[in-house]
């Protein structure tokens, strides 16, 4: 048995002589980056608290750096939310990445999103917490839910093809109804 370094991972190669069998087992990646210092850790209870105690509507955005769809949509959503920066809308952005290496695609300045990272091992707790508020979060990301100023779910199912546009339209309609002022 021997370890062969390959990029950030170490592959352990086991071979059985005679049988011609080669097994490759992947060992866990070595952590190479640290989380940004400005990125706070949030628990599921902290997410619920922000939803229930907000001064205005709350948009919950859950994503991960390893998610291709998130990498496409979250920057567009961030730009769309810039139009609501001076409103009462509060955005709770939660990265569910387990390590900083997978988060790096989002380590760019955000306009409206101020991402927090979910405390390690709390994915199931986040599912239960959001379900307790009527949301249908199943660990499928990107996930976006809108709650009113009283913590009641307004909407959390958006058409995949036009999710960012639909969120923008929903927020704009709330804005004209003075819900975001």
N, C-alpha and C. Protein backbone atom coordinates (compact mmCIF):
# COMPACT_ATOMS: atom_id res chain seq x y z
N UNK A 1 0.86 -1.18 0.00
CA UNK A 1 0.00 0.00 0.00
C UNK A 1 0.90 1.23 0.00
N UNK A 2 0.54 2.22 -0.83
CA UNK A 2 1.31 3.46 -0.85
C UNK A 2 0.38 4.64 -1.10
N UNK A 3 0.75 5.80 -0.59
CA UNK A 3 -0.03 7.03 -0.79
C UNK A 3 0.59 7.81 -1.93
N UNK A 4 -0.23 8.26 -2.85
CA UNK A 4 0.24 9.02 -3.99
C UNK A 4 -0.40 10.40 -3.93
N UNK A 5 0.41 11.48 -3.71
CA UNK A 5 -0.19 12.81 -3.67
C UNK A 5 -0.73 13.20 -5.05
N UNK A 6 -1.92 13.77 -5.07
CA UNK A 6 -2.54 14.19 -6.31
C UNK A 6 -3.37 15.43 -6.00
N UNK A 7 -2.83 16.60 -6.34
CA UNK A 7 -3.55 17.85 -6.06
C UNK A 7 -3.73 18.04 -4.57
N UNK A 8 -4.96 18.31 -4.16
CA UNK A 8 -5.26 18.55 -2.76
C UNK A 8 -5.64 17.28 -2.02
N UNK A 9 -5.73 16.16 -2.72
CA UNK A 9 -6.15 14.94 -2.09
C UNK A 9 -5.02 13.92 -2.11
N UNK A 10 -5.13 12.95 -1.29
CA UNK A 10 -4.18 11.86 -1.30
C UNK A 10 -4.96 10.61 -1.69
N UNK A 11 -4.51 9.96 -2.73
CA UNK A 11 -5.15 8.72 -3.14
C UNK A 11 -4.37 7.57 -2.54
N UNK A 12 -5.06 6.66 -1.93
CA UNK A 12 -4.43 5.49 -1.38
C UNK A 12 -4.64 4.36 -2.38
N UNK A 13 -3.56 3.81 -2.86
CA UNK A 13 -3.63 2.78 -3.89
C UNK A 13 -3.28 1.45 -3.25
N UNK A 14 -4.19 0.50 -3.39
CA UNK A 14 -3.98 -0.85 -2.88
C UNK A 14 -4.01 -1.78 -4.08
N UNK A 15 -3.05 -2.64 -4.19
CA UNK A 15 -3.10 -3.59 -5.29
C UNK A 15 -2.87 -4.99 -4.76
N UNK A 16 -3.55 -5.93 -5.35
CA UNK A 16 -3.38 -7.32 -4.98
C UNK A 16 -2.62 -7.98 -6.11
N UNK A 17 -1.41 -8.42 -5.81
CA UNK A 17 -0.54 -9.02 -6.83
C UNK A 17 -1.10 -10.40 -7.17
N UNK A 18 -1.12 -10.70 -8.41
CA UNK A 18 -1.59 -12.00 -8.85
C UNK A 18 -3.03 -11.92 -9.32
N UNK A 19 -3.89 -11.31 -8.54
CA UNK A 19 -5.29 -11.21 -8.93
C UNK A 19 -5.49 -10.06 -9.91
N UNK A 20 -4.51 -9.16 -9.98
CA UNK A 20 -4.61 -8.05 -10.91
C UNK A 20 -5.68 -7.05 -10.52
N UNK A 21 -6.02 -6.99 -9.24
CA UNK A 21 -7.06 -6.09 -8.76
C UNK A 21 -6.41 -4.83 -8.21
N UNK A 22 -6.96 -3.69 -8.58
CA UNK A 22 -6.45 -2.41 -8.11
C UNK A 22 -7.59 -1.66 -7.45
N UNK A 23 -7.42 -1.29 -6.21
CA UNK A 23 -8.42 -0.53 -5.49
C UNK A 23 -7.88 0.87 -5.25
N UNK A 24 -8.72 1.87 -5.45
CA UNK A 24 -8.33 3.24 -5.17
C UNK A 24 -9.33 3.79 -4.17
N UNK A 25 -8.84 4.20 -3.02
CA UNK A 25 -9.71 4.78 -2.00
C UNK A 25 -9.31 6.23 -1.81
N UNK A 26 -10.27 7.11 -1.80
CA UNK A 26 -10.00 8.54 -1.66
C UNK A 26 -10.03 8.92 -0.19
N UNK A 27 -8.98 9.51 0.28
CA UNK A 27 -8.96 9.98 1.66
C UNK A 27 -9.54 11.39 1.69
N UNK A 28 -9.99 11.85 2.85
CA UNK A 28 -10.57 13.19 2.93
C UNK A 28 -9.59 14.26 2.46
N UNK A 29 -10.12 15.28 1.82
CA UNK A 29 -9.28 16.40 1.37
C UNK A 29 -8.67 17.09 2.56
N UNK A 30 -7.46 17.54 2.37
CA UNK A 30 -6.83 18.34 3.41
C UNK A 30 -7.34 19.76 3.29
N UNK A 31 -7.71 20.33 4.38
CA UNK A 31 -8.21 21.70 4.37
C UNK A 31 -7.06 22.63 4.05
N UNK A 32 -7.25 23.45 3.02
CA UNK A 32 -6.17 24.34 2.61
C UNK A 32 -6.50 25.81 2.86
N UNK A 33 -7.76 26.13 3.03
CA UNK A 33 -8.16 27.51 3.23
C UNK A 33 -8.95 27.65 4.52
N UNK A 34 -8.93 28.84 5.04
CA UNK A 34 -9.73 29.15 6.23
C UNK A 34 -10.95 29.93 5.80
N UNK A 35 -11.99 29.88 6.61
CA UNK A 35 -13.19 30.67 6.34
C UNK A 35 -12.86 32.15 6.47
N UNK A 36 -13.48 33.01 5.65
CA UNK A 36 -13.26 34.45 5.81
C UNK A 36 -13.65 34.87 7.22
N UNK A 37 -12.84 35.72 7.84
CA UNK A 37 -13.11 36.14 9.22
C UNK A 37 -14.44 36.85 9.39
N UNK A 38 -14.88 37.57 8.35
CA UNK A 38 -16.14 38.31 8.46
C UNK A 38 -17.37 37.40 8.33
N UNK A 39 -17.15 36.13 8.04
CA UNK A 39 -18.26 35.20 7.85
C UNK A 39 -18.64 34.56 9.18
N UNK A 40 -19.80 34.92 9.67
CA UNK A 40 -20.27 34.42 10.96
C UNK A 40 -20.88 33.04 10.83
N UNK A 41 -20.84 32.28 11.91
CA UNK A 41 -21.47 30.97 11.97
C UNK A 41 -22.88 31.16 12.50
N UNK A 42 -23.86 30.49 11.88
CA UNK A 42 -25.24 30.58 12.31
C UNK A 42 -25.78 29.17 12.55
N UNK A 43 -26.63 29.04 13.55
CA UNK A 43 -27.30 27.78 13.83
C UNK A 43 -28.72 27.84 13.25
N UNK A 44 -29.39 26.71 13.16
CA UNK A 44 -30.78 26.74 12.71
C UNK A 44 -31.66 27.64 13.59
N UNK A 45 -31.44 27.61 14.90
CA UNK A 45 -32.21 28.48 15.80
C UNK A 45 -31.92 29.95 15.50
N UNK A 46 -30.70 30.27 15.12
CA UNK A 46 -30.35 31.64 14.76
C UNK A 46 -31.05 32.09 13.49
N UNK A 47 -31.21 31.18 12.52
CA UNK A 47 -31.93 31.51 11.29
C UNK A 47 -33.39 31.79 11.62
N UNK A 48 -34.01 30.93 12.42
CA UNK A 48 -35.42 31.12 12.81
C UNK A 48 -35.59 32.42 13.59
N UNK A 49 -34.65 32.71 14.46
CA UNK A 49 -34.72 33.95 15.24
C UNK A 49 -34.68 35.17 14.33
N UNK A 50 -33.83 35.16 13.32
CA UNK A 50 -33.75 36.28 12.38
C UNK A 50 -35.05 36.44 11.59
N UNK A 51 -35.70 35.31 11.28
CA UNK A 51 -36.96 35.36 10.54
C UNK A 51 -38.06 35.94 11.43
N UNK A 52 -38.13 35.49 12.66
CA UNK A 52 -39.22 35.89 13.56
C UNK A 52 -39.07 37.29 14.14
N UNK A 53 -37.85 37.77 14.25
CA UNK A 53 -37.63 39.07 14.91
C UNK A 53 -37.24 40.18 13.95
N UNK A 54 -37.35 39.91 12.65
CA UNK A 54 -36.98 40.93 11.68
C UNK A 54 -37.94 42.11 11.70
N UNK A 55 -37.44 43.28 11.32
CA UNK A 55 -38.27 44.49 11.24
C UNK A 55 -39.05 44.57 9.94
N UNK A 56 -38.78 43.67 9.04
CA UNK A 56 -39.44 43.66 7.74
C UNK A 56 -39.45 42.25 7.19
N UNK A 57 -39.82 42.10 5.93
CA UNK A 57 -39.79 40.77 5.31
C UNK A 57 -38.37 40.21 5.31
N UNK A 58 -38.27 38.89 5.34
CA UNK A 58 -36.97 38.22 5.38
C UNK A 58 -36.89 37.25 4.21
N UNK A 59 -35.83 37.37 3.43
CA UNK A 59 -35.56 36.46 2.34
C UNK A 59 -34.44 35.53 2.80
N UNK A 60 -34.72 34.24 2.88
CA UNK A 60 -33.72 33.25 3.28
C UNK A 60 -33.16 32.62 2.01
N UNK A 61 -31.84 32.64 1.88
CA UNK A 61 -31.16 32.10 0.71
C UNK A 61 -30.16 31.06 1.21
N UNK A 62 -30.32 29.81 0.76
CA UNK A 62 -29.42 28.74 1.17
C UNK A 62 -28.70 28.22 -0.06
N UNK A 63 -27.38 28.11 0.03
CA UNK A 63 -26.58 27.73 -1.13
C UNK A 63 -25.30 27.06 -0.68
N UNK A 64 -24.52 26.57 -1.65
CA UNK A 64 -23.20 25.98 -1.38
C UNK A 64 -22.28 26.26 -2.56
N UNK A 65 -21.01 26.36 -2.28
CA UNK A 65 -20.03 26.64 -3.32
C UNK A 65 -19.83 25.49 -4.28
N UNK A 66 -20.09 24.27 -3.86
CA UNK A 66 -19.90 23.12 -4.74
C UNK A 66 -21.08 22.92 -5.69
N UNK A 67 -22.14 23.66 -5.50
CA UNK A 67 -23.37 23.53 -6.29
C UNK A 67 -23.27 24.38 -7.56
N UNK A 68 -23.25 23.72 -8.73
CA UNK A 68 -23.14 24.45 -9.99
C UNK A 68 -24.28 25.44 -10.20
N UNK A 69 -25.50 25.01 -9.89
CA UNK A 69 -26.65 25.90 -10.06
C UNK A 69 -26.54 27.12 -9.14
N UNK A 70 -26.02 26.91 -7.94
CA UNK A 70 -25.82 28.03 -7.00
C UNK A 70 -24.80 29.01 -7.56
N UNK A 71 -23.72 28.48 -8.12
CA UNK A 71 -22.68 29.35 -8.68
C UNK A 71 -23.21 30.20 -9.81
N UNK A 72 -24.21 29.70 -10.53
CA UNK A 72 -24.83 30.49 -11.61
C UNK A 72 -25.84 31.49 -11.05
N UNK A 73 -26.67 31.06 -10.12
CA UNK A 73 -27.80 31.89 -9.68
C UNK A 73 -27.49 32.88 -8.56
N UNK A 74 -26.66 32.53 -7.63
CA UNK A 74 -26.46 33.40 -6.47
C UNK A 74 -25.87 34.75 -6.86
N UNK A 75 -24.88 34.84 -7.73
CA UNK A 75 -24.41 36.18 -8.14
C UNK A 75 -25.51 37.00 -8.81
N UNK A 76 -26.35 36.37 -9.64
CA UNK A 76 -27.47 37.09 -10.30
C UNK A 76 -28.49 37.53 -9.25
N UNK A 77 -28.77 36.67 -8.28
CA UNK A 77 -29.71 37.04 -7.21
C UNK A 77 -29.14 38.19 -6.38
N UNK A 78 -27.87 38.14 -6.10
CA UNK A 78 -27.22 39.21 -5.33
C UNK A 78 -27.36 40.55 -6.05
N UNK A 79 -27.13 40.56 -7.36
CA UNK A 79 -27.29 41.79 -8.14
C UNK A 79 -28.74 42.26 -8.15
N UNK A 80 -29.68 41.32 -8.27
CA UNK A 80 -31.11 41.67 -8.27
C UNK A 80 -31.53 42.25 -6.92
N UNK A 81 -30.97 41.73 -5.84
CA UNK A 81 -31.33 42.21 -4.50
C UNK A 81 -30.74 43.59 -4.19
N UNK A 82 -29.79 44.03 -4.99
CA UNK A 82 -29.21 45.36 -4.78
C UNK A 82 -30.28 46.45 -4.86
N UNK A 83 -31.33 46.22 -5.64
CA UNK A 83 -32.42 47.20 -5.76
C UNK A 83 -33.22 47.34 -4.47
N UNK A 84 -33.05 46.40 -3.55
CA UNK A 84 -33.84 46.40 -2.31
C UNK A 84 -32.99 46.69 -1.07
N UNK A 85 -31.76 47.15 -1.28
CA UNK A 85 -30.85 47.41 -0.17
C UNK A 85 -31.40 48.49 0.77
N UNK A 86 -32.05 49.50 0.24
CA UNK A 86 -32.57 50.60 1.07
C UNK A 86 -34.01 50.38 1.53
N UNK A 87 -34.45 49.13 1.56
CA UNK A 87 -35.80 48.81 2.02
C UNK A 87 -35.68 48.07 3.36
N UNK A 88 -36.82 47.62 3.88
CA UNK A 88 -36.83 46.86 5.13
C UNK A 88 -36.52 45.38 4.90
N UNK A 89 -36.32 44.97 3.65
CA UNK A 89 -36.02 43.58 3.37
C UNK A 89 -34.73 43.17 4.05
N UNK A 90 -34.78 42.07 4.77
CA UNK A 90 -33.58 41.50 5.38
C UNK A 90 -33.27 40.20 4.65
N UNK A 91 -32.02 40.02 4.32
CA UNK A 91 -31.60 38.81 3.61
C UNK A 91 -30.76 37.98 4.56
N UNK A 92 -31.17 36.73 4.73
CA UNK A 92 -30.42 35.78 5.54
C UNK A 92 -29.84 34.76 4.57
N UNK A 93 -28.57 34.93 4.23
CA UNK A 93 -27.89 34.05 3.28
C UNK A 93 -27.05 33.05 4.07
N UNK A 94 -27.28 31.77 3.82
CA UNK A 94 -26.62 30.71 4.58
C UNK A 94 -25.88 29.77 3.63
N UNK A 95 -24.58 29.67 3.81
CA UNK A 95 -23.75 28.73 3.04
C UNK A 95 -23.71 27.42 3.82
N UNK A 96 -24.06 26.33 3.16
CA UNK A 96 -24.07 25.04 3.84
C UNK A 96 -22.82 24.22 3.54
N UNK A 97 -21.80 24.86 3.02
CA UNK A 97 -20.53 24.18 2.75
C UNK A 97 -19.94 23.67 4.06
N UNK A 98 -19.35 22.49 4.01
CA UNK A 98 -18.70 21.94 5.19
C UNK A 98 -17.29 22.50 5.39
N UNK A 99 -16.67 22.98 4.30
CA UNK A 99 -15.33 23.53 4.45
C UNK A 99 -15.16 24.76 3.56
N UNK A 100 -14.15 25.52 3.86
CA UNK A 100 -13.91 26.78 3.16
C UNK A 100 -13.47 26.56 1.71
N UNK A 101 -12.86 25.43 1.41
CA UNK A 101 -12.40 25.19 0.05
C UNK A 101 -13.56 25.17 -0.95
N UNK A 102 -14.68 24.58 -0.58
CA UNK A 102 -15.81 24.54 -1.51
C UNK A 102 -16.54 25.87 -1.58
N UNK A 103 -16.35 26.71 -0.58
CA UNK A 103 -17.01 28.02 -0.55
C UNK A 103 -16.31 29.04 -1.42
N UNK A 104 -15.07 28.84 -1.78
CA UNK A 104 -14.28 29.86 -2.47
C UNK A 104 -14.91 30.45 -3.72
N UNK A 105 -15.78 29.74 -4.48
CA UNK A 105 -16.38 30.42 -5.62
C UNK A 105 -17.22 31.63 -5.23
N UNK A 106 -17.63 31.70 -3.97
CA UNK A 106 -18.46 32.81 -3.51
C UNK A 106 -17.66 33.81 -2.69
N UNK A 107 -16.37 33.63 -2.63
CA UNK A 107 -15.54 34.52 -1.82
C UNK A 107 -15.23 35.81 -2.57
N UNK A 108 -16.26 36.36 -3.19
CA UNK A 108 -16.14 37.64 -3.88
C UNK A 108 -17.05 38.64 -3.19
N UNK A 109 -16.81 39.91 -3.32
CA UNK A 109 -17.68 40.89 -2.65
C UNK A 109 -19.13 40.74 -3.11
N UNK A 110 -20.02 40.77 -2.14
CA UNK A 110 -21.45 40.68 -2.44
C UNK A 110 -22.06 42.08 -2.34
N UNK A 111 -23.10 42.31 -3.11
CA UNK A 111 -23.80 43.59 -3.08
C UNK A 111 -24.83 43.59 -1.96
N UNK A 112 -25.73 42.60 -1.96
CA UNK A 112 -26.81 42.56 -0.99
C UNK A 112 -26.68 41.40 -0.02
N UNK A 113 -26.02 40.33 -0.42
CA UNK A 113 -25.89 39.15 0.44
C UNK A 113 -24.75 39.32 1.42
N UNK A 114 -24.98 38.99 2.65
CA UNK A 114 -23.94 38.94 3.67
C UNK A 114 -23.94 37.52 4.21
N UNK A 115 -23.32 36.59 3.47
CA UNK A 115 -23.44 35.18 3.82
C UNK A 115 -22.90 34.84 5.20
N UNK A 116 -23.61 33.93 5.83
CA UNK A 116 -23.16 33.30 7.07
C UNK A 116 -22.97 31.83 6.73
N UNK A 117 -22.21 31.13 7.53
CA UNK A 117 -22.08 29.70 7.25
C UNK A 117 -22.81 28.91 8.32
N UNK A 118 -23.45 27.86 7.89
CA UNK A 118 -24.19 27.01 8.81
C UNK A 118 -23.21 26.26 9.70
N UNK A 119 -23.52 26.19 10.98
CA UNK A 119 -22.68 25.45 11.91
C UNK A 119 -22.53 24.01 11.41
N UNK A 120 -21.33 23.45 11.50
CA UNK A 120 -21.10 22.09 10.99
C UNK A 120 -22.07 21.08 11.59
N UNK A 121 -22.56 20.19 10.74
CA UNK A 121 -23.46 19.13 11.17
C UNK A 121 -24.89 19.56 11.44
N UNK A 122 -25.26 20.77 11.04
CA UNK A 122 -26.60 21.30 11.35
C UNK A 122 -27.57 21.30 10.18
N UNK A 123 -27.25 20.59 9.09
CA UNK A 123 -28.15 20.57 7.93
C UNK A 123 -29.54 20.04 8.30
N UNK A 124 -29.58 18.91 9.01
CA UNK A 124 -30.88 18.35 9.39
C UNK A 124 -31.64 19.29 10.32
N UNK A 125 -30.93 19.95 11.21
CA UNK A 125 -31.56 20.92 12.10
C UNK A 125 -32.15 22.09 11.33
N UNK A 126 -31.47 22.51 10.26
CA UNK A 126 -31.98 23.60 9.43
C UNK A 126 -33.25 23.17 8.71
N UNK A 127 -33.28 21.92 8.23
CA UNK A 127 -34.48 21.39 7.59
C UNK A 127 -35.65 21.45 8.56
N UNK A 128 -35.45 20.92 9.78
CA UNK A 128 -36.52 20.92 10.79
C UNK A 128 -36.96 22.33 11.16
N UNK A 129 -36.00 23.23 11.31
CA UNK A 129 -36.32 24.61 11.71
C UNK A 129 -37.17 25.30 10.65
N UNK A 130 -36.81 25.16 9.38
CA UNK A 130 -37.59 25.81 8.32
C UNK A 130 -38.94 25.13 8.12
N UNK A 131 -38.99 23.83 8.28
CA UNK A 131 -40.28 23.13 8.20
C UNK A 131 -41.21 23.61 9.31
N UNK A 132 -40.66 23.93 10.47
CA UNK A 132 -41.50 24.40 11.58
C UNK A 132 -42.17 25.74 11.25
N UNK A 133 -41.62 26.45 10.27
CA UNK A 133 -42.19 27.73 9.83
C UNK A 133 -43.06 27.58 8.58
N UNK A 134 -43.27 26.34 8.15
CA UNK A 134 -44.10 26.10 6.98
C UNK A 134 -43.35 26.02 5.68
N UNK A 135 -42.03 26.16 5.70
CA UNK A 135 -41.22 26.11 4.48
C UNK A 135 -41.01 24.66 4.05
N UNK A 136 -40.70 24.47 2.79
CA UNK A 136 -40.53 23.12 2.25
C UNK A 136 -39.07 22.82 1.89
N UNK A 137 -38.15 23.24 2.73
CA UNK A 137 -36.73 23.00 2.47
C UNK A 137 -36.40 21.53 2.70
N UNK A 138 -35.79 20.90 1.67
CA UNK A 138 -35.44 19.47 1.73
C UNK A 138 -33.94 19.25 1.56
N UNK A 139 -33.13 20.25 1.75
CA UNK A 139 -31.69 20.21 1.50
C UNK A 139 -31.38 20.38 0.02
N UNK A 140 -32.36 20.71 -0.78
CA UNK A 140 -32.14 20.96 -2.20
C UNK A 140 -31.76 22.43 -2.35
N UNK A 141 -30.65 22.67 -3.05
CA UNK A 141 -30.16 24.04 -3.18
C UNK A 141 -29.95 24.39 -4.65
N UNK A 142 -30.00 25.65 -5.00
CA UNK A 142 -30.24 26.79 -4.12
C UNK A 142 -31.69 26.79 -3.64
N UNK A 143 -31.89 27.26 -2.44
CA UNK A 143 -33.22 27.35 -1.85
C UNK A 143 -33.45 28.79 -1.43
N UNK A 144 -34.62 29.33 -1.77
CA UNK A 144 -34.96 30.71 -1.42
C UNK A 144 -36.38 30.72 -0.87
N UNK A 145 -36.56 31.33 0.29
CA UNK A 145 -37.89 31.46 0.90
C UNK A 145 -38.09 32.90 1.34
N UNK A 146 -39.30 33.40 1.15
CA UNK A 146 -39.65 34.75 1.57
C UNK A 146 -40.65 34.66 2.72
N UNK A 147 -40.34 35.34 3.81
CA UNK A 147 -41.20 35.40 4.98
C UNK A 147 -41.64 36.85 5.19
N UNK A 148 -42.86 37.05 5.66
CA UNK A 148 -43.32 38.42 5.91
C UNK A 148 -42.74 38.94 7.22
N UNK A 149 -43.05 40.18 7.56
CA UNK A 149 -42.47 40.82 8.75
C UNK A 149 -42.87 40.13 10.05
N UNK A 150 -43.87 39.25 10.00
CA UNK A 150 -44.32 38.53 11.19
C UNK A 150 -43.78 37.10 11.24
N UNK A 151 -42.97 36.73 10.26
CA UNK A 151 -42.37 35.41 10.24
C UNK A 151 -43.20 34.35 9.53
N UNK A 152 -44.28 34.77 8.86
CA UNK A 152 -45.11 33.82 8.12
C UNK A 152 -44.55 33.62 6.72
N UNK A 153 -44.56 32.39 6.26
CA UNK A 153 -44.06 32.08 4.92
C UNK A 153 -44.94 32.73 3.86
N UNK A 154 -44.31 33.48 2.95
CA UNK A 154 -45.01 34.08 1.82
C UNK A 154 -44.88 33.15 0.61
N UNK A 155 -43.65 32.72 0.34
CA UNK A 155 -43.41 31.86 -0.83
C UNK A 155 -42.04 31.20 -0.71
N UNK A 156 -41.98 29.93 -1.14
CA UNK A 156 -40.68 29.26 -1.21
C UNK A 156 -40.56 28.31 -2.39
N UNK A 157 -41.51 28.33 -3.27
CA UNK A 157 -41.41 27.51 -4.48
C UNK A 157 -41.37 28.45 -5.68
N UNK A 158 -40.25 28.42 -6.37
CA UNK A 158 -40.02 29.31 -7.51
C UNK A 158 -39.73 28.45 -8.73
N UNK A 159 -40.20 28.85 -9.90
CA UNK A 159 -39.87 28.07 -11.10
C UNK A 159 -38.36 28.10 -11.32
N UNK A 160 -37.79 26.92 -11.50
CA UNK A 160 -36.34 26.82 -11.62
C UNK A 160 -35.75 27.66 -12.74
N UNK A 161 -36.40 27.65 -13.88
CA UNK A 161 -35.84 28.33 -15.05
C UNK A 161 -35.76 29.85 -14.87
N UNK A 162 -36.66 30.43 -14.09
CA UNK A 162 -36.70 31.89 -13.95
C UNK A 162 -36.74 32.30 -12.48
N UNK A 163 -36.04 31.57 -11.62
CA UNK A 163 -36.10 31.81 -10.19
C UNK A 163 -35.74 33.24 -9.81
N UNK A 164 -34.63 33.76 -10.30
CA UNK A 164 -34.20 35.11 -9.93
C UNK A 164 -35.22 36.15 -10.39
N UNK A 165 -35.73 36.01 -11.61
CA UNK A 165 -36.74 36.95 -12.11
C UNK A 165 -38.01 36.90 -11.27
N UNK A 166 -38.45 35.72 -10.90
CA UNK A 166 -39.66 35.57 -10.09
C UNK A 166 -39.47 36.17 -8.70
N UNK A 167 -38.31 35.98 -8.12
CA UNK A 167 -38.02 36.57 -6.80
C UNK A 167 -38.05 38.09 -6.90
N UNK A 168 -37.40 38.63 -7.95
CA UNK A 168 -37.39 40.08 -8.15
C UNK A 168 -38.80 40.62 -8.31
N UNK A 169 -39.64 39.94 -9.10
CA UNK A 169 -41.03 40.38 -9.31
C UNK A 169 -41.83 40.31 -8.01
N UNK A 170 -41.65 39.26 -7.25
CA UNK A 170 -42.37 39.12 -5.98
C UNK A 170 -41.97 40.23 -5.01
N UNK A 171 -40.68 40.50 -4.93
CA UNK A 171 -40.20 41.56 -4.04
C UNK A 171 -40.67 42.93 -4.51
N UNK A 172 -40.70 43.13 -5.83
CA UNK A 172 -41.19 44.41 -6.37
C UNK A 172 -42.66 44.60 -6.03
N UNK A 173 -43.46 43.55 -6.12
CA UNK A 173 -44.88 43.68 -5.79
C UNK A 173 -45.07 43.96 -4.31
N UNK A 174 -44.23 43.38 -3.47
CA UNK A 174 -44.29 43.68 -2.04
C UNK A 174 -43.92 45.15 -1.80
N UNK A 175 -42.92 45.60 -2.54
CA UNK A 175 -42.46 46.98 -2.38
C UNK A 175 -43.55 47.98 -2.72
N UNK A 176 -44.32 47.70 -3.76
CA UNK A 176 -45.40 48.63 -4.13
C UNK A 176 -46.54 48.58 -3.12
N UNK A 177 -46.62 47.51 -2.35
CA UNK A 177 -47.66 47.40 -1.32
C UNK A 177 -47.17 47.92 0.03
N UNK A 178 -46.07 48.60 0.05
CA UNK A 178 -45.48 49.22 1.24
C UNK A 178 -45.00 48.19 2.25
N UNK A 179 -44.95 46.93 1.89
CA UNK A 179 -44.46 45.90 2.83
C UNK A 179 -42.97 46.02 3.07
N UNK A 180 -42.25 46.61 2.12
CA UNK A 180 -40.80 46.71 2.26
C UNK A 180 -40.35 48.11 2.69
N UNK A 181 -41.27 48.98 2.97
CA UNK A 181 -40.86 50.33 3.35
C UNK A 181 -40.67 50.47 4.83
